[in-house]
C-alpha cells in the first residue's frame, strides 16, 4: 500500500493519488478529450509547449507558484499543485 493512503487529510490523499496517476485536473496533456476543442489546444498558454504534469512543475511562467517549495519533496509537490489548481480555478 502506498504511503499517501495513511495521510489523515482526505483532500491531500486524493491529490497525491491524482499526481501519481497523472490525472491532475486543468492539465490538458492528460485529459485530451476534455481539451480537444479549446483554442490553446494541449499547449501551455505561456510556453506553447505541450502542457503535461511534468512541464507544469518546471514551467518558467509558474515559477512564482513554486518559489518557496522543494520540488523533490512529494509534500511540496502536493502544495504546488494545490496552488496551481486554485489559480486555474479562479481564471
Protein backbone atom coordinates (compact mmCIF):
# COMPACT_ATOMS: atom_id res chain seq x y z
CA UNK A 1 0.00 0.00 0.00
CA UNK A 2 1.28 3.47 -0.87
CA UNK A 3 2.29 5.79 1.96
CA UNK A 4 -0.12 8.53 0.91
CA UNK A 5 -3.08 6.35 1.88
CA UNK A 6 -2.05 6.83 5.51
CA UNK A 7 -2.33 10.62 5.24
CA UNK A 8 -5.00 11.96 7.59
CA UNK A 9 -6.08 14.71 5.19
CA UNK A 10 -8.52 13.33 2.61
CA UNK A 11 -8.06 16.14 0.07
CA UNK A 12 -4.26 15.69 0.19
CA UNK A 13 -4.62 11.94 -0.25
CA UNK A 14 -6.85 12.42 -3.28
CA UNK A 15 -4.47 14.93 -4.82
CA UNK A 16 -1.47 12.67 -4.15
CA UNK A 17 -3.27 9.85 -5.93
CA UNK A 18 -4.07 12.12 -8.90
CA UNK A 19 -0.43 13.23 -9.09
CA UNK A 20 0.84 9.64 -9.02
CA UNK A 21 -1.65 8.56 -11.67
CA UNK A 22 -1.07 11.71 -13.79
CA UNK A 23 -4.72 12.75 -13.63
CA UNK A 24 -4.44 16.24 -12.13
CA UNK A 25 -7.28 18.48 -13.34
CA UNK A 26 -6.60 21.52 -15.53
CA UNK A 27 -3.65 19.90 -17.34
CA UNK A 28 -4.65 19.47 -21.00
CA UNK A 29 -1.94 16.94 -21.90
CA UNK A 30 -3.50 14.37 -19.56
CA UNK A 31 -7.18 14.84 -20.39
CA UNK A 32 -7.05 15.13 -24.16
CA UNK A 33 -10.76 14.63 -24.82
CA UNK A 34 -11.73 17.35 -22.36
CA UNK A 35 -9.48 19.96 -24.01
CA UNK A 36 -9.86 18.81 -27.61
CA UNK A 37 -11.63 21.93 -28.82
CA UNK A 38 -10.04 24.64 -26.65
CA UNK A 39 -8.31 27.36 -28.62
CA UNK A 40 -5.00 26.75 -26.80
CA UNK A 41 -5.24 23.04 -27.55
CA UNK A 42 -2.92 20.98 -25.38
CA UNK A 43 -0.19 23.61 -25.12
CA UNK A 44 0.91 25.73 -22.19
CA UNK A 45 -0.56 29.21 -22.57
CA UNK A 46 2.82 30.76 -21.75
CA UNK A 47 5.45 28.48 -23.36
CA UNK A 48 3.49 26.95 -26.25
CA UNK A 49 4.89 23.55 -25.24
CA UNK A 50 2.57 20.62 -24.57
CA UNK A 51 1.13 21.11 -21.11
CA UNK A 52 1.82 17.98 -19.09
CA UNK A 53 2.18 17.48 -15.38
CA UNK A 54 5.97 17.39 -15.79
CA UNK A 55 6.02 20.65 -17.77
CA UNK A 56 3.75 22.25 -15.20
CA UNK A 57 6.34 21.62 -12.47
CA UNK A 58 9.20 23.21 -14.44
CA UNK A 59 7.40 25.91 -16.44
CA UNK A 60 9.17 29.28 -16.05
CA UNK A 61 5.83 31.09 -16.15
CA UNK A 62 4.76 29.27 -12.98
CA UNK A 63 8.00 29.79 -11.04
CA UNK A 64 6.25 32.16 -8.64
CA UNK A 65 3.94 29.34 -7.51
CA UNK A 66 6.84 27.07 -6.53
CA UNK A 67 9.02 29.87 -5.14
CA UNK A 68 9.43 28.53 -1.59
CA UNK A 69 8.95 24.82 -2.35
CA UNK A 70 11.37 21.93 -2.75
CA UNK A 71 10.05 20.11 -5.80
CA UNK A 72 11.94 16.95 -4.84
CA UNK A 73 9.68 16.62 -1.77
CA UNK A 74 6.36 14.94 -2.55
CA UNK A 75 4.54 17.02 0.07
CA UNK A 76 5.81 20.22 -1.57
CA UNK A 77 4.69 18.93 -4.97
CA UNK A 78 1.22 18.47 -3.49
CA UNK A 79 1.34 22.02 -2.12
CA UNK A 80 2.42 23.27 -5.56
CA UNK A 81 -0.50 21.56 -7.31
CA UNK A 82 -2.94 22.89 -4.71
CA UNK A 83 -1.73 26.41 -5.50
CA UNK A 84 -1.79 25.73 -9.24
CA UNK A 85 -5.35 24.37 -9.16
CA UNK A 86 -6.55 27.31 -7.06
CA UNK A 87 -5.12 29.77 -9.58
CA UNK A 88 -6.57 27.87 -12.54
CA UNK A 89 -9.96 27.66 -10.86
CA UNK A 90 -10.06 31.44 -10.40
CA UNK A 91 -9.32 32.18 -14.06
